[in-house]
């Protein structure tokens, strides 16, 4: 007979205690979540930053023509339409031109006043949306965008969902002269205040 002890002797537990096994599993899961899966806070912060790839601008790009399509006075919102063949460089040039005109006090020559008679000027607060497709430049889509991604569903027109209208935005110029730190914000695409942004969103200024 062998002198080795049988690990499965009656009355004795074989292997680790079940509680130790459970504890080890829980510890492993906690480490997995803590070290590998990003926290929701990090996800939100990453989502609000948007893509960081630089925009390649063409200094030789001809200025793009545009027309005012829709004004929504109660929301200080305006939509502009550029030709479908307009390049991103041309849209960037238009955004910078609008900002320059705003700083020079001549924006009203091309864009209707959004805050007429305001002590800070006729464009003290404005959301200017640039589209290539006229069907998204109408009042329903502009109101949808101005209300934001998380507005109550009963307030939003059902014809054009926010996500669809957002992806149609070529450029966005936000003016808020009450925000003395950053009164002008321009971008390709659109970034909603909630952090939701279109796929081609890029910060310009």
N, C-alpha and C. Protein backbone atom coordinates (compact mmCIF):
# COMPACT_ATOMS: atom_id res chain seq x y z
N UNK A 1 0.83 -1.20 0.00
CA UNK A 1 0.00 0.00 0.00
C UNK A 1 0.86 1.24 0.00
N UNK A 2 0.35 2.31 -0.61
CA UNK A 2 1.07 3.56 -0.64
C UNK A 2 0.86 4.32 0.65
N UNK A 3 1.96 5.01 1.08
CA UNK A 3 1.87 5.82 2.30
C UNK A 3 1.28 7.20 2.02
N UNK A 4 1.05 7.58 0.72
CA UNK A 4 0.51 8.90 0.41
C UNK A 4 -0.90 9.03 0.93
N UNK A 5 -1.19 10.24 1.45
CA UNK A 5 -2.53 10.49 1.99
C UNK A 5 -3.50 10.76 0.85
N UNK A 6 -4.66 10.23 0.98
CA UNK A 6 -5.71 10.44 0.00
C UNK A 6 -6.33 11.82 0.24
N UNK A 7 -6.27 12.77 -0.74
CA UNK A 7 -6.82 14.11 -0.52
C UNK A 7 -8.33 14.12 -0.40
N UNK A 8 -8.95 13.01 -0.73
CA UNK A 8 -10.40 12.96 -0.66
C UNK A 8 -10.88 12.07 0.48
N UNK A 9 -10.20 12.20 1.63
CA UNK A 9 -10.62 11.43 2.79
C UNK A 9 -11.97 11.91 3.28
N UNK A 10 -12.74 11.00 3.73
CA UNK A 10 -14.08 11.32 4.23
C UNK A 10 -13.99 12.29 5.40
N UNK A 11 -14.84 13.34 5.33
CA UNK A 11 -14.89 14.32 6.41
C UNK A 11 -13.95 15.48 6.22
N UNK A 12 -13.11 15.44 5.18
CA UNK A 12 -12.19 16.53 4.93
C UNK A 12 -12.53 17.20 3.60
N UNK A 13 -12.37 18.56 3.55
CA UNK A 13 -12.69 19.33 2.34
C UNK A 13 -11.52 19.25 1.37
N UNK A 14 -11.82 18.96 0.12
CA UNK A 14 -10.78 18.92 -0.90
C UNK A 14 -10.75 20.25 -1.63
N UNK A 15 -9.56 20.85 -1.79
CA UNK A 15 -9.44 22.11 -2.51
C UNK A 15 -9.71 23.31 -1.63
N UNK A 16 -9.78 24.49 -2.28
CA UNK A 16 -9.97 25.74 -1.54
C UNK A 16 -11.39 25.86 -1.03
N UNK A 17 -11.53 26.67 0.01
CA UNK A 17 -12.83 26.93 0.59
C UNK A 17 -13.70 27.66 -0.44
N UNK A 18 -14.98 27.32 -0.59
CA UNK A 18 -15.85 27.98 -1.59
C UNK A 18 -15.89 29.48 -1.43
N UNK A 19 -15.85 29.99 -0.22
CA UNK A 19 -15.89 31.44 -0.02
C UNK A 19 -14.65 32.10 -0.59
N UNK A 20 -13.50 31.41 -0.49
CA UNK A 20 -12.28 31.96 -1.06
C UNK A 20 -12.37 32.03 -2.58
N UNK A 21 -12.98 31.01 -3.17
CA UNK A 21 -13.15 30.99 -4.63
C UNK A 21 -14.05 32.14 -5.07
N UNK A 22 -15.16 32.33 -4.35
CA UNK A 22 -16.09 33.42 -4.69
C UNK A 22 -15.40 34.77 -4.54
N UNK A 23 -14.65 34.92 -3.45
CA UNK A 23 -13.95 36.18 -3.21
C UNK A 23 -12.92 36.46 -4.32
N UNK A 24 -12.21 35.42 -4.74
CA UNK A 24 -11.21 35.59 -5.80
C UNK A 24 -11.87 36.00 -7.11
N UNK A 25 -13.03 35.42 -7.41
CA UNK A 25 -13.76 35.77 -8.64
C UNK A 25 -14.21 37.22 -8.59
N UNK A 26 -14.79 37.63 -7.44
CA UNK A 26 -15.25 39.01 -7.29
C UNK A 26 -14.10 40.00 -7.40
N UNK A 27 -12.96 39.65 -6.81
CA UNK A 27 -11.79 40.51 -6.88
C UNK A 27 -11.30 40.66 -8.33
N UNK A 28 -11.29 39.53 -9.03
CA UNK A 28 -10.88 39.56 -10.43
C UNK A 28 -11.80 40.42 -11.29
N UNK A 29 -13.13 40.30 -11.07
CA UNK A 29 -14.09 41.11 -11.82
C UNK A 29 -13.91 42.59 -11.51
N UNK A 30 -13.67 42.91 -10.25
CA UNK A 30 -13.50 44.32 -9.84
C UNK A 30 -12.26 44.92 -10.52
N UNK A 31 -11.16 44.13 -10.53
CA UNK A 31 -9.95 44.61 -11.18
C UNK A 31 -10.16 44.80 -12.67
N UNK A 32 -10.91 43.88 -13.28
CA UNK A 32 -11.20 43.99 -14.71
C UNK A 32 -11.96 45.28 -15.02
N UNK A 33 -13.00 45.55 -14.22
CA UNK A 33 -13.80 46.76 -14.44
C UNK A 33 -12.99 48.01 -14.17
N UNK A 34 -12.20 47.99 -13.08
CA UNK A 34 -11.46 49.19 -12.67
C UNK A 34 -10.31 49.52 -13.62
N UNK A 35 -9.65 48.50 -14.16
CA UNK A 35 -8.45 48.75 -14.95
C UNK A 35 -8.66 48.73 -16.46
N UNK A 36 -9.63 47.96 -16.92
CA UNK A 36 -9.78 47.77 -18.36
C UNK A 36 -10.95 48.56 -18.93
N UNK A 37 -12.10 48.48 -18.27
CA UNK A 37 -13.29 49.17 -18.77
C UNK A 37 -13.26 50.61 -18.30
N UNK A 38 -13.29 51.62 -19.20
CA UNK A 38 -13.26 53.02 -18.78
C UNK A 38 -14.52 53.39 -18.03
N UNK A 39 -14.37 54.29 -17.08
CA UNK A 39 -15.53 54.72 -16.30
C UNK A 39 -16.46 55.56 -17.15
N UNK A 40 -17.70 55.69 -16.72
CA UNK A 40 -18.65 56.49 -17.47
C UNK A 40 -18.22 57.94 -17.53
N UNK A 41 -17.52 58.41 -16.49
CA UNK A 41 -17.04 59.79 -16.51
C UNK A 41 -16.04 60.00 -17.63
N UNK A 42 -15.13 59.02 -17.80
CA UNK A 42 -14.16 59.13 -18.87
C UNK A 42 -14.82 59.06 -20.24
N UNK A 43 -15.84 58.21 -20.35
CA UNK A 43 -16.55 58.11 -21.62
C UNK A 43 -17.18 59.44 -21.98
N UNK A 44 -17.80 60.10 -21.01
CA UNK A 44 -18.46 61.36 -21.28
C UNK A 44 -17.45 62.42 -21.67
N UNK A 45 -16.32 62.45 -20.96
CA UNK A 45 -15.31 63.45 -21.27
C UNK A 45 -14.76 63.24 -22.66
N UNK A 46 -14.54 61.97 -23.03
CA UNK A 46 -14.03 61.69 -24.36
C UNK A 46 -15.04 62.06 -25.42
N UNK A 47 -16.31 61.79 -25.16
CA UNK A 47 -17.35 62.08 -26.15
C UNK A 47 -17.51 63.55 -26.43
N UNK A 48 -17.31 64.41 -25.42
CA UNK A 48 -17.50 65.83 -25.62
C UNK A 48 -16.34 66.48 -26.34
N UNK A 49 -15.19 65.82 -26.35
CA UNK A 49 -14.04 66.42 -27.02
C UNK A 49 -14.18 66.38 -28.53
N UNK A 50 -14.76 65.31 -29.04
CA UNK A 50 -14.88 65.16 -30.47
C UNK A 50 -13.55 64.76 -31.10
N UNK A 51 -13.56 64.52 -32.40
CA UNK A 51 -12.34 64.13 -33.10
C UNK A 51 -11.27 65.22 -32.99
N UNK A 52 -10.02 64.81 -32.95
CA UNK A 52 -8.92 65.76 -32.79
C UNK A 52 -8.08 65.90 -34.06
N UNK A 53 -8.45 65.20 -35.12
CA UNK A 53 -7.68 65.28 -36.35
C UNK A 53 -7.74 66.70 -36.90
N UNK A 54 -6.61 67.23 -37.36
CA UNK A 54 -6.60 68.60 -37.87
C UNK A 54 -7.36 68.71 -39.18
N UNK A 55 -7.91 69.89 -39.43
CA UNK A 55 -8.61 70.15 -40.68
C UNK A 55 -7.59 70.69 -41.67
N UNK A 56 -7.54 70.04 -42.82
CA UNK A 56 -6.61 70.49 -43.86
C UNK A 56 -7.29 71.62 -44.64
N UNK A 57 -6.77 72.82 -44.49
CA UNK A 57 -7.36 73.98 -45.16
C UNK A 57 -6.60 74.29 -46.43
N UNK A 58 -7.35 74.77 -47.41
CA UNK A 58 -6.78 75.17 -48.68
C UNK A 58 -6.82 76.69 -48.77
N UNK A 59 -5.68 77.35 -48.59
CA UNK A 59 -5.68 78.82 -48.60
C UNK A 59 -6.09 79.40 -49.96
N UNK A 60 -6.02 78.57 -51.01
CA UNK A 60 -6.39 79.03 -52.34
C UNK A 60 -7.87 78.79 -52.65
N UNK A 61 -8.60 78.20 -51.71
CA UNK A 61 -10.01 77.89 -51.95
C UNK A 61 -10.80 79.19 -52.16
N UNK A 62 -11.61 79.20 -53.19
CA UNK A 62 -12.41 80.39 -53.49
C UNK A 62 -13.50 80.56 -52.42
N UNK A 63 -13.83 81.80 -52.07
CA UNK A 63 -14.91 82.02 -51.10
C UNK A 63 -16.20 81.39 -51.61
N UNK A 64 -16.91 80.75 -50.73
CA UNK A 64 -18.13 80.05 -51.12
C UNK A 64 -19.32 81.02 -51.05
N UNK A 65 -20.22 80.89 -52.02
CA UNK A 65 -21.43 81.71 -51.99
C UNK A 65 -22.45 81.02 -51.08
N UNK A 66 -23.31 81.80 -50.47
CA UNK A 66 -24.34 81.24 -49.60
C UNK A 66 -25.58 82.11 -49.65
N UNK A 67 -26.67 81.54 -49.21
CA UNK A 67 -27.90 82.33 -49.07
C UNK A 67 -28.55 82.00 -47.73
N UNK A 68 -29.24 82.98 -47.19
CA UNK A 68 -29.99 82.76 -45.95
C UNK A 68 -31.26 82.01 -46.30
N UNK A 69 -31.45 80.85 -45.66
CA UNK A 69 -32.61 80.02 -45.97
C UNK A 69 -33.74 80.21 -44.98
N UNK A 70 -33.40 80.18 -43.67
CA UNK A 70 -34.43 80.22 -42.63
C UNK A 70 -33.96 81.06 -41.45
N UNK A 71 -34.88 81.80 -40.88
CA UNK A 71 -34.61 82.49 -39.62
C UNK A 71 -35.67 82.06 -38.61
N UNK A 72 -35.22 81.77 -37.39
CA UNK A 72 -36.12 81.40 -36.30
C UNK A 72 -35.86 82.39 -35.16
N UNK A 73 -36.52 83.56 -35.20
CA UNK A 73 -36.20 84.63 -34.24
C UNK A 73 -36.31 84.22 -32.78
N UNK A 74 -37.32 83.41 -32.45
CA UNK A 74 -37.52 83.05 -31.05
C UNK A 74 -36.40 82.17 -30.50
N UNK A 75 -35.60 81.60 -31.38
CA UNK A 75 -34.48 80.76 -30.95
C UNK A 75 -33.13 81.35 -31.35
N UNK A 76 -33.14 82.59 -31.87
CA UNK A 76 -31.90 83.25 -32.31
C UNK A 76 -31.13 82.36 -33.28
N UNK A 77 -31.86 81.69 -34.16
CA UNK A 77 -31.23 80.71 -35.05
C UNK A 77 -31.44 81.08 -36.51
N UNK A 78 -30.43 80.78 -37.32
CA UNK A 78 -30.46 81.07 -38.75
C UNK A 78 -29.84 79.88 -39.48
N UNK A 79 -30.37 79.57 -40.66
CA UNK A 79 -29.72 78.56 -41.49
C UNK A 79 -29.25 79.20 -42.78
N UNK A 80 -28.05 78.82 -43.19
CA UNK A 80 -27.47 79.25 -44.46
C UNK A 80 -27.29 78.03 -45.34
N UNK A 81 -27.40 78.22 -46.64
CA UNK A 81 -27.23 77.11 -47.58
C UNK A 81 -26.08 77.44 -48.53
N UNK A 82 -25.14 76.50 -48.64
CA UNK A 82 -24.03 76.62 -49.58
C UNK A 82 -24.21 75.55 -50.65
N UNK A 83 -23.56 75.67 -51.79
CA UNK A 83 -23.70 74.66 -52.84
C UNK A 83 -23.23 73.28 -52.35
N UNK A 84 -23.84 72.22 -52.86
CA UNK A 84 -23.44 70.86 -52.45
C UNK A 84 -21.97 70.56 -52.72
N UNK A 85 -21.40 71.19 -53.73
CA UNK A 85 -20.00 70.92 -54.08
C UNK A 85 -19.02 71.73 -53.24
N UNK A 86 -19.51 72.53 -52.30
CA UNK A 86 -18.61 73.31 -51.43
C UNK A 86 -17.73 72.37 -50.63
N UNK A 87 -16.44 72.69 -50.56
CA UNK A 87 -15.49 71.85 -49.81
C UNK A 87 -15.48 72.25 -48.34
N UNK A 88 -14.88 71.38 -47.52
CA UNK A 88 -14.74 71.71 -46.10
C UNK A 88 -13.90 72.98 -45.92
N UNK A 89 -12.88 73.14 -46.76
CA UNK A 89 -12.04 74.34 -46.68
C UNK A 89 -12.87 75.60 -46.95
N UNK A 90 -13.79 75.51 -47.87
CA UNK A 90 -14.64 76.66 -48.16
C UNK A 90 -15.59 76.95 -47.01
N UNK A 91 -16.11 75.89 -46.38
CA UNK A 91 -16.99 76.08 -45.22
C UNK A 91 -16.20 76.70 -44.07
N UNK A 92 -14.96 76.25 -43.87
CA UNK A 92 -14.10 76.84 -42.85
C UNK A 92 -13.87 78.32 -43.15
N UNK A 93 -13.61 78.63 -44.43
CA UNK A 93 -13.41 80.02 -44.83
C UNK A 93 -14.64 80.87 -44.56
N UNK A 94 -15.83 80.30 -44.78
CA UNK A 94 -17.07 81.02 -44.51
C UNK A 94 -17.24 81.28 -43.01
N UNK A 95 -16.95 80.28 -42.20
CA UNK A 95 -17.05 80.46 -40.74
C UNK A 95 -16.13 81.59 -40.27
N UNK A 96 -14.91 81.58 -40.78
CA UNK A 96 -13.95 82.62 -40.37
C UNK A 96 -14.36 84.00 -40.88
N UNK A 97 -14.97 84.01 -42.06
CA UNK A 97 -15.44 85.28 -42.61
C UNK A 97 -16.59 85.84 -41.78
N UNK A 98 -17.50 84.98 -41.37
CA UNK A 98 -18.62 85.41 -40.52
C UNK A 98 -18.11 85.96 -39.19
N UNK A 99 -17.10 85.30 -38.63
CA UNK A 99 -16.53 85.78 -37.37
C UNK A 99 -15.87 87.14 -37.56
N UNK A 100 -15.12 87.29 -38.66
CA UNK A 100 -14.47 88.57 -38.92
C UNK A 100 -15.49 89.69 -39.08
N UNK A 101 -16.58 89.39 -39.76
CA UNK A 101 -17.63 90.39 -39.94
C UNK A 101 -18.31 90.71 -38.61
N UNK A 102 -18.47 89.71 -37.78
CA UNK A 102 -19.06 89.95 -36.47
C UNK A 102 -18.18 90.88 -35.65
N UNK A 103 -16.87 90.64 -35.68
CA UNK A 103 -15.93 91.47 -34.94
C UNK A 103 -15.87 92.90 -35.50
N UNK A 104 -16.07 93.01 -36.82
CA UNK A 104 -16.02 94.32 -37.46
C UNK A 104 -17.35 95.05 -37.39
N UNK A 105 -18.38 94.36 -36.92
CA UNK A 105 -19.70 94.99 -36.83
C UNK A 105 -20.45 95.03 -38.14
N UNK A 106 -20.04 94.22 -39.12
CA UNK A 106 -20.69 94.23 -40.43
C UNK A 106 -21.45 92.95 -40.74
N UNK A 107 -21.60 92.07 -39.75
CA UNK A 107 -22.29 90.80 -39.99
C UNK A 107 -23.72 91.01 -40.46
N UNK A 108 -24.34 92.08 -39.99
CA UNK A 108 -25.72 92.36 -40.37
C UNK A 108 -25.92 92.64 -41.84
N UNK A 109 -24.83 92.91 -42.57
CA UNK A 109 -24.95 93.15 -44.01
C UNK A 109 -25.28 91.87 -44.77
N UNK A 110 -24.97 90.72 -44.18
CA UNK A 110 -25.20 89.44 -44.87
C UNK A 110 -26.11 88.48 -44.10
N UNK A 111 -26.23 88.69 -42.79
CA UNK A 111 -27.00 87.77 -41.95
C UNK A 111 -28.02 88.58 -41.15
N UNK A 112 -29.30 88.19 -41.16
CA UNK A 112 -30.31 88.94 -40.41
C UNK A 112 -29.99 89.00 -38.92
N UNK A 113 -30.45 90.05 -38.28
CA UNK A 113 -30.23 90.21 -36.84
C UNK A 113 -30.97 89.11 -36.08
N UNK A 114 -30.31 88.57 -35.07
CA UNK A 114 -30.95 87.56 -34.20
C UNK A 114 -31.39 88.16 -32.87
N UNK A 115 -30.78 89.29 -32.50
CA UNK A 115 -31.16 89.98 -31.26
C UNK A 115 -31.25 91.49 -31.56
N UNK A 116 -32.21 91.88 -32.41
CA UNK A 116 -32.30 93.30 -32.79
C UNK A 116 -32.55 94.19 -31.57
N UNK A 117 -31.77 95.27 -31.50
CA UNK A 117 -31.93 96.21 -30.39
C UNK A 117 -31.25 95.80 -29.11
N UNK A 118 -30.58 94.67 -29.08
CA UNK A 118 -29.89 94.22 -27.86
C UNK A 118 -28.72 95.15 -27.54
N UNK A 119 -28.49 95.37 -26.26
CA UNK A 119 -27.41 96.29 -25.87
C UNK A 119 -26.03 95.82 -26.33
N UNK A 120 -25.88 94.50 -26.54
CA UNK A 120 -24.60 93.97 -27.00
C UNK A 120 -24.51 93.86 -28.51
N UNK A 121 -25.59 94.20 -29.19
CA UNK A 121 -25.56 94.16 -30.65
C UNK A 121 -26.67 93.29 -31.23
N UNK A 122 -26.78 93.38 -32.55
CA UNK A 122 -27.84 92.64 -33.25
C UNK A 122 -27.58 91.15 -33.35
N UNK A 123 -26.39 90.73 -33.01
CA UNK A 123 -26.05 89.30 -33.01
C UNK A 123 -25.40 88.94 -31.67
N UNK A 124 -26.02 89.39 -30.59
CA UNK A 124 -25.47 89.11 -29.26
C UNK A 124 -25.52 87.62 -28.96
N UNK A 125 -26.55 86.96 -29.42
CA UNK A 125 -26.71 85.50 -29.30
C UNK A 125 -27.21 84.99 -30.63
N UNK A 126 -26.52 84.01 -31.18
CA UNK A 126 -26.94 83.48 -32.49
C UNK A 126 -26.39 82.07 -32.69
N UNK A 127 -27.20 81.25 -33.31
CA UNK A 127 -26.77 79.93 -33.80
C UNK A 127 -26.95 79.96 -35.30
N UNK A 128 -25.85 79.90 -36.02
CA UNK A 128 -25.89 79.92 -37.47
C UNK A 128 -25.49 78.54 -37.98
N UNK A 129 -26.43 77.86 -38.62
CA UNK A 129 -26.21 76.51 -39.13
C UNK A 129 -26.00 76.58 -40.64
N UNK A 130 -24.97 75.90 -41.12
CA UNK A 130 -24.65 75.89 -42.55
C UNK A 130 -24.96 74.51 -43.11
N UNK A 131 -25.75 74.48 -44.19
CA UNK A 131 -26.16 73.23 -44.82
C UNK A 131 -25.81 73.27 -46.31
N UNK A 132 -25.73 72.08 -46.90
CA UNK A 132 -25.64 71.97 -48.35
C UNK A 132 -26.97 71.50 -48.94
N UNK A 133 -27.80 70.90 -48.10
CA UNK A 133 -29.07 70.34 -48.55
C UNK A 133 -30.21 71.19 -47.99
N UNK A 134 -30.99 71.79 -48.88
CA UNK A 134 -32.04 72.70 -48.47
C UNK A 134 -33.11 72.03 -47.62
N UNK A 135 -33.33 70.73 -47.80
CA UNK A 135 -34.39 70.08 -47.05
C UNK A 135 -34.11 70.06 -45.55
N UNK A 136 -32.83 70.21 -45.16
CA UNK A 136 -32.48 70.25 -43.75
C UNK A 136 -32.31 71.67 -43.23
N UNK A 137 -32.49 72.65 -44.10
CA UNK A 137 -32.29 74.04 -43.71
C UNK A 137 -33.61 74.74 -43.39
N UNK A 138 -34.69 73.99 -43.39
CA UNK A 138 -36.00 74.57 -43.09
C UNK A 138 -36.22 74.80 -41.61
N UNK A 139 -37.31 75.47 -41.25
CA UNK A 139 -37.56 75.82 -39.85
C UNK A 139 -37.69 74.62 -38.91
N UNK A 140 -38.28 73.52 -39.38
CA UNK A 140 -38.45 72.36 -38.50
C UNK A 140 -37.10 71.79 -38.06
N UNK A 141 -36.19 71.63 -39.03
CA UNK A 141 -34.88 71.08 -38.69
C UNK A 141 -34.08 72.05 -37.82
N UNK A 142 -34.17 73.34 -38.12
CA UNK A 142 -33.44 74.33 -37.34
C UNK A 142 -33.95 74.36 -35.90
N UNK A 143 -35.26 74.29 -35.72
CA UNK A 143 -35.83 74.25 -34.36
C UNK A 143 -35.38 72.98 -33.63
N UNK A 144 -35.34 71.87 -34.34
CA UNK A 144 -34.89 70.61 -33.74
C UNK A 144 -33.46 70.76 -33.24
N UNK A 145 -32.60 71.34 -34.05
CA UNK A 145 -31.20 71.52 -33.67
C UNK A 145 -31.06 72.51 -32.52
N UNK A 146 -31.81 73.59 -32.56
CA UNK A 146 -31.71 74.62 -31.52
C UNK A 146 -32.19 74.10 -30.17
N UNK A 147 -33.17 73.21 -30.17
CA UNK A 147 -33.68 72.67 -28.90
C UNK A 147 -32.72 71.68 -28.29
N UNK A 148 -31.94 71.02 -29.12
CA UNK A 148 -30.93 70.10 -28.60
C UNK A 148 -31.33 68.65 -28.65
N UNK A 149 -30.33 67.79 -28.42
CA UNK A 149 -30.52 66.35 -28.56
C UNK A 149 -31.45 65.76 -27.52
N UNK A 150 -31.52 66.38 -26.34
CA UNK A 150 -32.27 65.77 -25.24
C UNK A 150 -33.53 66.55 -24.88
N UNK A 151 -34.04 67.32 -25.84
CA UNK A 151 -35.32 67.99 -25.60
C UNK A 151 -36.43 66.95 -25.54
N UNK A 152 -37.49 67.20 -24.76
CA UNK A 152 -38.60 66.23 -24.69
C UNK A 152 -39.14 65.91 -26.07
N UNK A 153 -39.43 64.64 -26.30
CA UNK A 153 -39.86 64.19 -27.61
C UNK A 153 -41.09 64.89 -28.14
N UNK A 154 -41.99 65.33 -27.26
CA UNK A 154 -43.21 65.97 -27.71
C UNK A 154 -42.95 67.34 -28.33
N UNK A 155 -41.77 67.91 -28.04
CA UNK A 155 -41.44 69.23 -28.59
C UNK A 155 -40.80 69.15 -29.96
N UNK A 156 -40.31 67.99 -30.32
CA UNK A 156 -39.54 67.86 -31.56
C UNK A 156 -40.42 67.47 -32.73
N UNK A 157 -40.21 68.10 -33.87
CA UNK A 157 -40.94 67.67 -35.06
C UNK A 157 -40.56 66.25 -35.42
N UNK A 158 -41.54 65.44 -35.74
CA UNK A 158 -41.27 64.03 -36.03
C UNK A 158 -40.69 63.83 -37.42
N UNK A 159 -40.79 64.85 -38.30
CA UNK A 159 -40.37 64.67 -39.68
C UNK A 159 -38.85 64.49 -39.79
N UNK A 160 -38.07 65.23 -39.00
CA UNK A 160 -36.61 65.18 -39.09
C UNK A 160 -36.04 64.95 -37.70
N UNK A 161 -35.60 63.74 -37.38
CA UNK A 161 -35.00 63.48 -36.06
C UNK A 161 -33.73 64.29 -35.87
N UNK A 162 -33.38 64.57 -34.62
CA UNK A 162 -32.20 65.38 -34.31
C UNK A 162 -30.95 64.77 -34.93
N UNK A 163 -30.77 63.44 -34.79
CA UNK A 163 -29.55 62.80 -35.27
C UNK A 163 -29.38 62.97 -36.78
N UNK A 164 -30.49 62.95 -37.51
CA UNK A 164 -30.43 63.10 -38.97
C UNK A 164 -30.08 64.54 -39.33
N UNK A 165 -30.77 65.50 -38.69
CA UNK A 165 -30.49 66.91 -38.96
C UNK A 165 -29.06 67.27 -38.58
N UNK A 166 -28.58 66.72 -37.47
CA UNK A 166 -27.23 67.01 -36.99
C UNK A 166 -26.18 66.60 -38.03
N UNK A 167 -26.34 65.43 -38.62
CA UNK A 167 -25.36 64.94 -39.59
C UNK A 167 -25.38 65.76 -40.88
N UNK A 168 -26.47 66.51 -41.11
CA UNK A 168 -26.57 67.32 -42.33
C UNK A 168 -25.90 68.68 -42.15
N UNK A 169 -25.52 69.04 -40.93
CA UNK A 169 -24.90 70.35 -40.69
C UNK A 169 -23.47 70.34 -41.21
N UNK A 170 -23.17 71.24 -42.15
CA UNK A 170 -21.81 71.35 -42.69
C UNK A 170 -20.93 72.16 -41.75
N UNK A 171 -21.52 73.22 -41.18
CA UNK A 171 -20.78 74.08 -40.26
C UNK A 171 -21.71 74.74 -39.27
N UNK A 172 -21.16 75.13 -38.15
CA UNK A 172 -21.97 75.77 -37.10
C UNK A 172 -21.17 76.91 -36.48
N UNK A 173 -21.81 78.07 -36.40
CA UNK A 173 -21.19 79.25 -35.79
C UNK A 173 -22.09 79.68 -34.64
N UNK A 174 -21.57 79.57 -33.43
CA UNK A 174 -22.31 79.94 -32.22
C UNK A 174 -21.75 81.24 -31.67
N UNK A 175 -22.62 82.24 -31.53
CA UNK A 175 -22.23 83.53 -30.95
C UNK A 175 -22.96 83.70 -29.62
N UNK A 176 -22.22 84.02 -28.58
CA UNK A 176 -22.81 84.33 -27.28
C UNK A 176 -21.93 85.38 -26.61
N UNK A 177 -22.29 86.63 -26.78
CA UNK A 177 -21.47 87.72 -26.24
C UNK A 177 -21.57 87.82 -24.73
N UNK A 178 -22.50 87.07 -24.13
CA UNK A 178 -22.56 87.00 -22.66
C UNK A 178 -21.41 86.15 -22.11
N UNK A 179 -20.88 85.27 -22.96
CA UNK A 179 -19.75 84.43 -22.58
C UNK A 179 -18.47 85.16 -22.98
N UNK A 180 -17.97 86.00 -22.10
CA UNK A 180 -16.82 86.85 -22.44
C UNK A 180 -15.55 86.04 -22.68
N UNK A 181 -15.48 84.84 -22.13
CA UNK A 181 -14.29 84.02 -22.32
C UNK A 181 -14.20 83.40 -23.69
N UNK A 182 -15.34 83.04 -24.28
CA UNK A 182 -15.36 82.41 -25.61
C UNK A 182 -16.65 82.79 -26.32
N UNK A 183 -16.74 84.04 -26.78
CA UNK A 183 -17.99 84.50 -27.40
C UNK A 183 -18.25 83.90 -28.78
N UNK A 184 -17.21 83.42 -29.45
CA UNK A 184 -17.36 82.87 -30.80
C UNK A 184 -16.88 81.42 -30.83
N UNK A 185 -17.73 80.53 -31.32
CA UNK A 185 -17.35 79.12 -31.47
C UNK A 185 -17.77 78.66 -32.85
N UNK A 186 -16.79 78.18 -33.61
CA UNK A 186 -17.08 77.71 -34.96
C UNK A 186 -16.57 76.30 -35.17
N UNK A 187 -17.31 75.53 -35.95
CA UNK A 187 -16.91 74.13 -36.17
C UNK A 187 -17.45 73.63 -37.49
N UNK A 188 -16.73 72.65 -38.05
CA UNK A 188 -17.32 71.81 -39.07
C UNK A 188 -18.21 70.82 -38.35
N UNK A 189 -19.38 70.53 -38.90
CA UNK A 189 -20.30 69.66 -38.18
C UNK A 189 -20.88 70.39 -36.99
N UNK A 190 -21.41 69.61 -36.05
CA UNK A 190 -22.12 70.20 -34.91
C UNK A 190 -21.80 69.46 -33.63
N UNK A 191 -21.59 70.24 -32.57
CA UNK A 191 -21.46 69.69 -31.22
C UNK A 191 -22.63 70.21 -30.41
N UNK A 192 -23.48 69.30 -29.91
CA UNK A 192 -24.60 69.70 -29.07
C UNK A 192 -24.11 69.97 -27.64
N UNK A 193 -24.85 70.78 -26.89
CA UNK A 193 -24.45 71.11 -25.52
C UNK A 193 -24.37 69.87 -24.63
N UNK A 194 -25.09 68.82 -25.00
CA UNK A 194 -25.08 67.59 -24.21
C UNK A 194 -23.82 66.77 -24.45
N UNK A 195 -23.02 67.15 -25.45
CA UNK A 195 -21.81 66.39 -25.77
C UNK A 195 -21.96 65.53 -27.01
N UNK A 196 -23.18 65.38 -27.53
CA UNK A 196 -23.39 64.61 -28.76
C UNK A 196 -22.87 65.43 -29.93
N UNK A 197 -22.13 64.79 -30.82
CA UNK A 197 -21.60 65.52 -31.98
C UNK A 197 -21.72 64.68 -33.25
N UNK A 198 -21.72 65.37 -34.37
CA UNK A 198 -21.81 64.69 -35.65
C UNK A 198 -20.49 63.99 -35.97
N UNK A 199 -20.53 63.06 -36.90
CA UNK A 199 -19.37 62.23 -37.20
C UNK A 199 -18.19 63.05 -37.72
N UNK A 200 -18.48 64.11 -38.47
CA UNK A 200 -17.40 64.90 -39.08
C UNK A 200 -17.13 66.17 -38.29
N UNK A 201 -17.49 66.19 -37.02
CA UNK A 201 -17.28 67.38 -36.18
C UNK A 201 -15.79 67.70 -36.03
N UNK A 202 -15.44 68.95 -36.25
CA UNK A 202 -14.08 69.44 -36.06
C UNK A 202 -14.15 70.88 -35.55
N UNK A 203 -13.41 71.18 -34.51
CA UNK A 203 -13.36 72.54 -33.97
C UNK A 203 -12.53 73.42 -34.91
N UNK A 204 -13.05 74.59 -35.22
CA UNK A 204 -12.31 75.56 -36.05
C UNK A 204 -11.80 76.71 -35.17
N UNK A 205 -12.66 77.25 -34.33
CA UNK A 205 -12.23 78.27 -33.38
C UNK A 205 -13.17 78.28 -32.18
